[in-house]
C-alpha cells in the first residue's frame, strides 16, 4: 500500500495523518519486518478505531474501507477537483496525473489485507469490509454526506477498470461537486475552536426537513421569496431579502424550507449570528469562487442602539470597495422592520447633542434600506388562525375531535398563550397529540 500512496500526485494533499497514509506506513513496516507484531497490531487497531468513528459520524455501512476511500475522493479539494466541480471533465496534461491517481485508488479499492491478517492473527479488515452498522436516526449522523459517499462507493465497486472509475468520479464531481460544500446543505461559523482564533465553516449535520407547504397560509410571501430565490439560482438579478413581522409567523421556516427545495440545484445556506459579523468578508472570500449559490442567513436580526456590529453588515451588503459576488445573497429575519432599536430617549439625546440629527437618523435606518426586498409576516386574523389549526390537525391524521370542539380548545389555547400565530397553532396541535 505504501508503494501505491507514495505515487499519488493530484491527491497528494490528503492529510498525512489520515487513516489512509497511516495504514500505508503500517503496511510498509509490516513488509519490512521492522517492527514487533504486537506493536503493529496495536497501530492497526488504532486506525480501525478511527475508521469506525468516522463511519459512525457519517452512517457508513457494508464495506467501510470502500466507503472511506470514496469519502476521500468526494471530500478532497484541490485545483483539479475544483475545476471538475465547475466544468466536469477537463482537457490537458493534468488528466494524465489524474488517471495515474485513479489507477492507484482502483488498486486501493481492491487491496488484499489477508496476508497481514493471517500473519498477525487478526480479522479486523475482514470485518470492516463486511460491516453491518447499527441503525441510527438521521440527527445522529451526516445523512447528506453518507448517501452520496455510499452512492459513489457502490458505483466504483462496479467499475471494471481504472478508466471506468475515472468516468464515474468525473460524473460525480460534475453532478454533486466536491468537499464540504458539495456534500452538505448548511453551515455555521466555528471561530477559534483550535485556540488559534481562526474562522472556519463547519457543516450543520441535522437540518430541518420542513417544506414550504408545511407553512399554512402566507402564500403571497412564500411566492415572492421563491421568485427571488429562483432568479438567484438561475443567475438572474436577485435581491437581498428581509423577512420581518410578528413572532411565530413562519419567517425562519420559510428560509429553512428553501434549503430543502433547492439543495439539489446548488443552494447552500450559511447561518451567521451578529457576534460573528466581523467574519463576513472572510466568509465571502471562501465561497465566492465555488460553483454553488450561497444564502448567508441571519435569524432574528436586531440591534440595540449602542451596538455597532450592524456596520459590518452594511459594508458587506452595499458599500464595501469589493463588489459582492454574484453567487451570494443575504436573507435575514427580524421582528423589527428597521432592525436597529430606537427609543424616545435616543431621539432626545440626538436632539440635545447631535449637530447633524438627520444624518444620524438616516444612518440608523439605512441598514434595512439595503435589503432590496422586504416581506412582511404578520399574525393571522382569528378565522385564519382557526383555518391553520384545522389544516395542521388534519395533516396529523390522529386528532379525532369535532370541529366545534377543536376550535373551542384552540381559542382557549390562544387566549392562554396570548397570541394568534402559526407557531401557537402548531404548539396547540402538538399538545393535542401528546
Protein backbone atom coordinates (compact mmCIF):
# COMPACT_ATOMS: atom_id res chain seq x y z
CA UNK A 1 0.00 0.00 0.00
CA UNK A 2 2.85 2.39 0.76
CA UNK A 3 4.21 1.96 -2.77
CA UNK A 4 0.79 3.00 -4.07
CA UNK A 5 0.12 6.05 -1.89
CA UNK A 6 3.67 7.37 -2.32
CA UNK A 7 2.97 7.82 -6.05
CA UNK A 8 -0.14 9.98 -5.68
CA UNK A 9 0.10 13.37 -7.37
CA UNK A 10 -3.28 15.12 -7.65
CA UNK A 11 -4.48 13.72 -4.31
CA UNK A 12 -1.14 14.15 -2.58
CA UNK A 13 -2.70 16.88 -0.43
CA UNK A 14 -4.69 14.30 1.55
CA UNK A 15 -3.70 14.75 5.19
CA UNK A 16 -0.60 12.72 6.01
CA UNK A 17 -2.21 11.98 9.37
CA UNK A 18 -5.20 10.40 7.60
CA UNK A 19 -6.19 6.76 8.04
CA UNK A 20 -5.01 6.07 4.50
CA UNK A 21 -1.46 7.28 4.95
CA UNK A 22 -1.13 5.83 8.43
CA UNK A 23 -2.23 2.42 7.15
CA UNK A 24 0.23 2.78 4.28
CA UNK A 25 3.04 3.36 6.79
CA UNK A 26 1.91 0.30 8.74
CA UNK A 27 1.93 -1.83 5.57
CA UNK A 28 5.44 -0.60 4.77
CA UNK A 29 6.71 -1.53 8.24
CA UNK A 30 4.92 -4.90 8.07
CA UNK A 31 6.54 -5.78 4.75
CA UNK A 32 9.95 -4.67 6.02
CA UNK A 33 9.56 -6.66 9.23
CA UNK A 34 10.95 -3.68 11.10
CA UNK A 35 8.52 -3.65 13.98
CA UNK A 36 7.23 -6.03 16.62
CA UNK A 37 3.99 -7.79 15.69
CA UNK A 38 2.17 -6.67 18.81
CA UNK A 39 3.12 -3.06 18.13
CA UNK A 40 1.95 -3.37 14.51
CA UNK A 41 -1.32 -4.90 15.66
CA UNK A 42 -1.84 -2.02 18.08
CA UNK A 43 -1.22 0.53 15.34
CA UNK A 44 -3.67 -1.25 13.04
CA UNK A 45 -6.36 -1.32 15.70
CA UNK A 46 -5.86 2.40 16.32
CA UNK A 47 -6.67 3.07 12.66
CA UNK A 48 -9.61 0.67 12.68
CA UNK A 49 -10.92 2.56 15.70
CA UNK A 50 -10.60 5.87 13.79
CA UNK A 51 -12.35 4.32 10.79
CA UNK A 52 -15.23 3.13 12.97
CA UNK A 53 -15.56 6.61 14.49
CA UNK A 54 -15.68 8.17 11.01
CA UNK A 55 -18.17 5.57 9.80
CA UNK A 56 -20.42 6.26 12.78
CA UNK A 57 -20.32 10.02 12.14
CA UNK A 58 -21.35 9.51 8.51
CA UNK A 59 -23.54 6.43 8.77
CA UNK A 60 -21.36 4.25 6.53
CA UNK A 61 -22.30 0.61 6.07
CA UNK A 62 -21.36 -2.64 4.32
CA UNK A 63 -17.77 -2.06 3.12
CA UNK A 64 -16.24 0.62 5.35
CA UNK A 65 -12.91 0.51 3.53
CA UNK A 66 -14.57 1.31 0.21
CA UNK A 67 -16.75 3.95 1.86
CA UNK A 68 -13.66 5.57 3.34
CA UNK A 69 -11.79 5.71 0.01
CA UNK A 70 -14.90 7.14 -1.68
CA UNK A 71 -15.12 9.67 1.16
CA UNK A 72 -11.56 10.82 0.42
CA UNK A 73 -12.34 11.19 -3.28
CA UNK A 74 -15.55 13.10 -2.56
CA UNK A 75 -14.10 15.43 0.08
CA UNK A 76 -10.60 16.24 -1.17
CA UNK A 77 -10.41 19.75 -2.56
CA UNK A 78 -7.53 20.62 -4.85
CA UNK A 79 -7.21 22.64 -8.10
CA UNK A 80 -8.15 19.62 -10.21
CA UNK A 81 -11.29 18.63 -8.29
CA UNK A 82 -12.47 22.25 -8.01
CA UNK A 83 -12.20 22.70 -11.79
CA UNK A 84 -14.06 19.41 -12.32
CA UNK A 85 -16.78 20.69 -10.00
CA UNK A 86 -17.38 23.62 -12.34
CA UNK A 87 -16.69 22.10 -15.76
CA UNK A 88 -16.75 18.35 -15.40
CA UNK A 89 -14.10 16.59 -17.43
CA UNK A 90 -11.16 18.78 -18.30
CA UNK A 91 -8.62 18.58 -21.11
CA UNK A 92 -4.89 18.86 -20.77
CA UNK A 93 -1.90 17.07 -19.33
CA UNK A 94 -3.36 17.20 -15.83
CA UNK A 95 -5.61 14.32 -16.87
CA UNK A 96 -2.58 12.04 -17.11
CA UNK A 97 -1.75 12.76 -13.49
CA UNK A 98 -5.39 12.25 -12.56
CA UNK A 99 -5.60 8.92 -14.36
CA UNK A 100 -2.43 7.82 -12.56
CA UNK A 101 -4.05 8.63 -9.22
CA UNK A 102 -7.26 6.84 -10.13
CA UNK A 103 -5.29 3.73 -11.05
CA UNK A 104 -3.82 3.91 -7.55
CA UNK A 105 -7.24 4.33 -5.95
CA UNK A 106 -8.55 1.47 -8.06
CA UNK A 107 -5.81 -0.77 -6.65
CA UNK A 108 -6.54 0.52 -3.14
CA UNK A 109 -10.19 -0.43 -3.59
CA UNK A 110 -9.05 -3.98 -4.36
CA UNK A 111 -6.23 -4.13 -1.84
CA UNK A 112 -5.83 -7.54 -0.19
CA UNK A 113 -5.29 -7.39 3.57
CA UNK A 114 -5.48 -11.16 4.04
CA UNK A 115 -1.71 -11.76 4.31
CA UNK A 116 -1.43 -9.20 7.08
CA UNK A 117 -4.44 -10.63 8.90
CA UNK A 118 -3.07 -14.17 8.69
CA UNK A 119 0.40 -13.22 9.88
CA UNK A 120 -0.84 -11.06 12.77
CA UNK A 121 -3.79 -13.33 13.68
CA UNK A 122 -6.40 -10.56 13.33
CA UNK A 123 -9.64 -10.30 11.36
CA UNK A 124 -10.46 -6.60 11.63
CA UNK A 125 -10.05 -5.91 7.91
CA UNK A 126 -12.44 -8.73 7.03
CA UNK A 127 -14.94 -7.30 9.48
CA UNK A 128 -14.84 -3.72 8.17
CA UNK A 129 -15.26 -4.98 4.60
CA UNK A 130 -18.43 -6.83 5.57
CA UNK A 131 -19.89 -4.46 8.12
CA UNK A 132 -23.47 -4.19 9.32
CA UNK A 133 -23.99 -0.89 11.10
CA UNK A 134 -26.48 -0.22 13.86
CA UNK A 135 -29.49 1.67 12.51
CA UNK A 136 -29.37 5.30 13.61
CA UNK A 137 -31.75 8.23 13.46
CA UNK A 138 -30.87 10.90 10.92
CA UNK A 139 -30.00 13.53 13.52
CA UNK A 140 -27.14 11.38 14.81
CA UNK A 141 -25.12 11.24 11.60
CA UNK A 142 -24.47 13.30 8.49
CA UNK A 143 -27.05 11.86 6.10
CA UNK A 144 -26.16 14.16 3.18
CA UNK A 145 -22.55 13.00 3.09
CA UNK A 146 -23.50 9.41 3.90
CA UNK A 147 -25.89 8.93 1.00
CA UNK A 148 -23.64 10.48 -1.63
CA UNK A 149 -20.43 8.82 -0.50
CA UNK A 150 -22.08 5.40 -0.35
CA UNK A 151 -23.56 6.02 -3.80
CA UNK A 152 -20.06 6.80 -5.11
CA UNK A 153 -18.59 3.79 -3.31
CA UNK A 154 -21.14 1.42 -4.83
CA UNK A 155 -20.56 2.83 -8.32
CA UNK A 156 -16.78 2.40 -8.05
CA UNK A 157 -17.26 -1.19 -6.88
CA UNK A 158 -18.96 -1.87 -10.20
CA UNK A 159 -16.12 -0.32 -12.21
CA UNK A 160 -14.22 -2.93 -14.21
CA UNK A 161 -11.15 -0.79 -14.80
CA UNK A 162 -9.42 2.44 -13.71
CA UNK A 163 -10.82 4.09 -16.83
CA UNK A 164 -14.38 3.30 -15.77
CA UNK A 165 -13.54 4.58 -12.30
CA UNK A 166 -12.26 7.83 -13.84
CA UNK A 167 -15.56 8.31 -15.69
CA UNK A 168 -17.58 7.63 -12.53
CA UNK A 169 -15.66 10.16 -10.45
CA UNK A 170 -15.72 12.85 -13.13
CA UNK A 171 -19.50 12.48 -13.40
CA UNK A 172 -19.78 12.60 -9.61
CA UNK A 173 -17.81 15.85 -9.37
CA UNK A 174 -19.87 17.48 -12.09
CA UNK A 175 -23.18 16.39 -10.62
CA UNK A 176 -22.55 16.83 -6.89
CA UNK A 177 -19.35 18.87 -6.51
CA UNK A 178 -16.53 18.22 -4.09
CA UNK A 179 -15.65 18.87 -0.47
CA UNK A 180 -17.91 20.01 2.33
CA UNK A 181 -19.81 22.49 0.13
CA UNK A 182 -20.60 19.75 -2.35
CA UNK A 183 -21.79 17.25 0.23
CA UNK A 184 -23.58 19.39 2.85
CA UNK A 185 -26.62 21.67 2.87
CA UNK A 186 -25.92 24.18 5.61
CA UNK A 187 -23.04 25.59 7.61
CA UNK A 188 -22.26 27.74 10.63
CA UNK A 189 -19.17 29.56 11.83
CA UNK A 190 -16.70 27.90 14.17
CA UNK A 191 -14.35 30.61 15.34
CA UNK A 192 -11.20 29.89 17.28
CA UNK A 193 -12.05 26.32 18.22
CA UNK A 194 -8.41 25.30 17.94
CA UNK A 195 -7.31 28.25 20.05
CA UNK A 196 -5.79 29.98 17.02
CA UNK A 197 -8.62 32.47 16.63
CA UNK A 198 -9.11 31.43 13.02
CA UNK A 199 -12.57 31.17 11.50
CA UNK A 200 -13.85 28.06 9.77
CA UNK A 201 -17.17 26.92 8.33
CA UNK A 202 -18.50 23.65 9.72
CA UNK A 203 -21.46 21.65 8.38
CA UNK A 204 -24.76 21.57 10.24
CA UNK A 205 -25.34 17.82 10.38
CA UNK A 206 -29.06 17.61 11.15
CA UNK A 207 -31.08 20.15 9.18
CA UNK A 208 -34.85 20.52 9.28
CA UNK A 209 -36.96 18.61 6.75
CA UNK A 210 -39.56 21.37 6.59
CA UNK A 211 -41.05 22.33 3.21
CA UNK A 212 -42.96 25.44 2.22
CA UNK A 213 -46.29 23.61 2.21
CA UNK A 214 -45.79 22.92 5.92
CA UNK A 215 -46.33 26.63 6.50
CA UNK A 216 -50.09 27.15 6.21
CA UNK A 217 -51.08 30.44 4.63
CA UNK A 218 -48.70 33.30 3.71
CA UNK A 219 -48.96 32.30 0.05
CA UNK A 220 -48.01 35.73 -1.32
CA UNK A 221 -44.99 35.95 0.96
CA UNK A 222 -43.79 32.48 0.03
CA UNK A 223 -44.30 33.15 -3.68
CA UNK A 224 -42.23 36.34 -3.55
CA UNK A 225 -39.45 34.53 -1.68
CA UNK A 226 -39.47 31.68 -4.20
CA UNK A 227 -39.38 34.08 -7.19
CA UNK A 228 -36.33 35.86 -5.85
CA UNK A 229 -34.55 32.64 -4.92
CA UNK A 230 -35.17 31.00 -8.28
CA UNK A 231 -33.88 34.10 -10.06
CA UNK A 232 -30.75 33.87 -7.91
CA UNK A 233 -30.25 30.17 -8.70
CA UNK A 234 -30.70 30.81 -12.42
CA UNK A 235 -28.09 33.57 -12.44
CA UNK A 236 -30.58 36.39 -12.96
CA UNK A 237 -30.71 39.58 -10.90
CA UNK A 238 -31.90 38.96 -7.35
CA UNK A 239 -32.09 40.93 -4.12
CA UNK A 240 -31.13 40.52 -0.51
CA UNK A 241 -34.27 39.79 1.49
CA UNK A 242 -35.53 40.89 4.89
CA UNK A 243 -38.45 38.90 6.33
CA UNK A 244 -39.93 40.97 9.14
CA UNK A 245 -43.02 40.93 11.28
CA UNK A 246 -44.66 39.18 14.21
CA UNK A 247 -43.03 36.33 16.09
CA UNK A 248 -44.08 32.79 15.26
CA UNK A 249 -45.43 33.55 11.79
CA UNK A 250 -43.04 31.37 9.77
CA UNK A 251 -40.21 33.69 8.72
CA UNK A 252 -37.43 31.28 9.68
CA UNK A 253 -39.44 28.28 8.48
CA UNK A 254 -39.72 29.83 5.02
CA UNK A 255 -35.95 30.17 4.66
CA UNK A 256 -35.25 26.68 6.03
CA UNK A 257 -37.75 25.28 3.53
CA UNK A 258 -35.83 26.89 0.65
CA UNK A 259 -32.82 24.77 1.52
CA UNK A 260 -34.77 21.53 1.11
CA UNK A 261 -36.43 22.78 -2.06
CA UNK A 262 -33.29 23.92 -3.87
CA UNK A 263 -30.40 21.93 -2.39
CA UNK A 264 -30.19 19.72 -5.47
CA UNK A 265 -29.98 22.88 -7.62
CA UNK A 266 -26.88 24.06 -5.77
CA UNK A 267 -28.31 26.18 -2.95
CA UNK A 268 -26.32 26.27 0.29
CA UNK A 269 -27.05 28.26 3.46
CA UNK A 270 -24.54 29.68 5.94
CA UNK A 271 -26.03 30.70 9.29
CA UNK A 272 -24.33 33.71 10.83
CA UNK A 273 -25.04 35.35 14.19
CA UNK A 274 -24.40 39.03 14.73
CA UNK A 275 -21.42 38.47 17.05
CA UNK A 276 -19.72 36.83 14.04
CA UNK A 277 -20.39 39.64 11.56
CA UNK A 278 -16.71 40.60 11.60
CA UNK A 279 -16.07 37.33 9.72
CA UNK A 280 -18.40 38.20 6.82
CA UNK A 281 -15.62 39.38 4.46
CA UNK A 282 -13.66 36.21 5.20
CA UNK A 283 -16.72 34.01 4.59
CA UNK A 284 -17.34 35.67 1.25
CA UNK A 285 -13.71 35.23 0.21
CA UNK A 286 -14.06 31.48 0.88
CA UNK A 287 -17.28 30.93 -1.05
CA UNK A 288 -17.14 33.44 -3.90
CA UNK A 289 -15.33 31.15 -6.34
CA UNK A 290 -17.34 27.99 -5.64
CA UNK A 291 -19.90 26.52 -8.00
CA UNK A 292 -22.83 26.94 -5.61
CA UNK A 293 -25.31 29.63 -4.68
CA UNK A 294 -24.97 30.74 -1.07
CA UNK A 295 -27.53 32.41 1.14
CA UNK A 296 -26.00 33.97 4.24
CA UNK A 297 -28.83 33.54 6.73
CA UNK A 298 -29.28 35.80 9.76
CA UNK A 299 -32.11 34.78 12.06
CA UNK A 300 -33.87 37.14 14.47
CA UNK A 301 -31.72 40.06 13.42
CA UNK A 302 -31.91 43.22 15.51
CA UNK A 303 -29.59 45.65 17.23
CA UNK A 304 -29.70 47.85 20.26
CA UNK A 305 -28.87 51.49 19.58
CA UNK A 306 -25.47 51.13 21.23
CA UNK A 307 -24.43 48.07 19.19
CA UNK A 308 -22.16 48.65 16.21
CA UNK A 309 -21.97 45.18 14.61
CA UNK A 310 -24.53 46.30 12.04
CA UNK A 311 -21.83 48.36 10.33
CA UNK A 312 -20.05 45.16 9.24
CA UNK A 313 -23.30 44.03 7.63
CA UNK A 314 -23.91 47.35 5.91
CA UNK A 315 -20.46 47.25 4.36
CA UNK A 316 -20.94 43.72 3.04
CA UNK A 317 -24.42 44.32 1.64
CA UNK A 318 -23.57 47.53 -0.16
CA UNK A 319 -20.74 49.91 0.47
CA UNK A 320 -17.53 47.89 0.55
CA UNK A 321 -14.98 48.53 -2.19
CA UNK A 322 -15.19 44.88 -3.25
CA UNK A 323 -18.34 44.03 -5.19
CA UNK A 324 -20.46 41.33 -3.55
CA UNK A 325 -20.08 38.08 -5.54
CA UNK A 326 -22.99 37.13 -7.78
CA UNK A 327 -23.31 33.75 -6.02
CA UNK A 328 -24.02 35.26 -2.58
CA UNK A 329 -27.21 36.77 -1.14
CA UNK A 330 -28.20 37.74 2.38
CA UNK A 331 -31.55 36.64 3.83
CA UNK A 332 -32.48 37.87 7.30
CA UNK A 333 -35.46 37.56 9.61
CA UNK A 334 -36.45 40.07 12.25
CA UNK A 335 -39.38 41.08 14.38
CA UNK A 336 -38.39 44.69 13.69
CA UNK A 337 -38.86 46.44 10.39
CA UNK A 338 -36.00 48.88 10.93
CA UNK A 339 -33.66 46.40 12.70
CA UNK A 340 -32.00 48.95 14.99
CA UNK A 341 -33.94 49.60 18.18
CA UNK A 342 -34.65 53.24 18.81
CA UNK A 343 -36.23 54.83 21.88
CA UNK A 344 -37.60 58.32 22.51
CA UNK A 345 -34.66 58.90 24.83
CA UNK A 346 -32.36 58.16 21.88
CA UNK A 347 -34.12 60.89 19.92
CA UNK A 348 -33.80 63.30 22.83
CA UNK A 349 -30.08 62.58 23.02
CA UNK A 350 -29.79 63.25 19.32
CA UNK A 351 -31.72 66.49 19.68
CA UNK A 352 -29.52 67.67 22.54
CA UNK A 353 -26.08 66.58 21.41
CA UNK A 354 -26.09 65.75 17.72
CA UNK A 355 -25.35 68.64 15.41
CA UNK A 356 -26.47 66.67 12.34
CA UNK A 357 -29.59 64.94 13.69
CA UNK A 358 -30.99 63.95 10.29
CA UNK A 359 -27.72 62.30 9.29
CA UNK A 360 -27.73 60.21 12.46
CA UNK A 361 -31.32 59.13 11.95
CA UNK A 362 -30.65 58.22 8.31
CA UNK A 363 -27.59 56.21 9.32
CA UNK A 364 -29.66 54.11 11.71
CA UNK A 365 -32.40 53.49 9.16
CA UNK A 366 -30.07 52.74 6.26
CA UNK A 367 -29.42 49.09 7.19
CA UNK A 368 -32.99 47.93 6.48
CA UNK A 369 -33.00 50.01 3.29
CA UNK A 370 -30.13 47.91 1.92
CA UNK A 371 -32.35 44.85 1.65
CA UNK A 372 -33.87 45.05 -1.81
CA UNK A 373 -36.93 43.01 -0.85
CA UNK A 374 -38.87 43.36 2.41
CA UNK A 375 -41.53 40.74 3.07
CA UNK A 376 -43.95 41.17 5.96
CA UNK A 377 -45.20 38.22 8.05
CA UNK A 378 -47.97 39.20 10.46
CA UNK A 379 -50.22 37.38 12.90
CA UNK A 380 -53.30 35.90 11.23
CA UNK A 381 -56.81 37.10 11.87
CA UNK A 382 -58.95 34.94 14.12
CA UNK A 383 -60.62 32.93 11.32
CA UNK A 384 -57.29 32.44 9.56
CA UNK A 385 -55.80 31.14 12.82
CA UNK A 386 -58.63 28.60 13.10
CA UNK A 387 -58.02 27.56 9.48
CA UNK A 388 -54.36 26.93 10.30
CA UNK A 389 -55.37 24.82 13.29
CA UNK A 390 -57.79 22.76 11.19
CA UNK A 391 -55.20 22.17 8.48
CA UNK A 392 -52.46 21.13 10.90
CA UNK A 393 -54.85 18.84 12.79
CA UNK A 394 -55.99 17.16 9.55
CA UNK A 395 -52.38 16.57 8.48
CA UNK A 396 -51.65 14.58 11.60
CA UNK A 397 -54.45 12.10 10.85
CA UNK A 398 -54.53 11.36 14.56
CA UNK A 399 -56.76 14.07 16.04
CA UNK A 400 -60.40 12.99 16.21
CA UNK A 401 -62.29 15.97 17.59
CA UNK A 402 -65.50 17.54 16.31
CA UNK A 403 -64.74 20.83 14.56
CA UNK A 404 -66.58 22.90 17.15
CA UNK A 405 -64.62 21.32 19.99
CA UNK A 406 -61.32 21.71 18.13
CA UNK A 407 -61.97 25.42 17.55
CA UNK A 408 -63.16 25.96 21.14
CA UNK A 409 -59.98 24.44 22.54
CA UNK A 410 -57.81 26.30 20.02
CA UNK A 411 -59.44 29.56 21.08
CA UNK A 412 -58.75 28.83 24.75
CA UNK A 413 -55.14 27.92 23.91
CA UNK A 414 -54.61 31.22 22.05
CA UNK A 415 -56.08 33.24 24.92
CA UNK A 416 -53.94 31.40 27.46
CA UNK A 417 -50.77 31.91 25.41
CA UNK A 418 -51.54 35.46 24.36
CA UNK A 419 -51.16 35.20 20.60
CA UNK A 420 -52.73 34.10 17.35
CA UNK A 421 -49.89 32.73 15.24
CA UNK A 422 -48.84 29.73 13.23
CA UNK A 423 -46.40 28.78 15.98
CA UNK A 424 -49.18 28.87 18.57
CA UNK A 425 -51.37 26.72 16.30
CA UNK A 426 -48.59 24.15 15.90
CA UNK A 427 -47.96 24.08 19.64
CA UNK A 428 -51.68 23.51 20.24
CA UNK A 429 -51.74 20.60 17.78
CA UNK A 430 -48.63 19.15 19.45
CA UNK A 431 -50.45 19.45 22.79
CA UNK A 432 -53.41 17.50 21.44
CA UNK A 433 -51.12 14.78 20.06
CA UNK A 434 -49.39 14.42 23.41
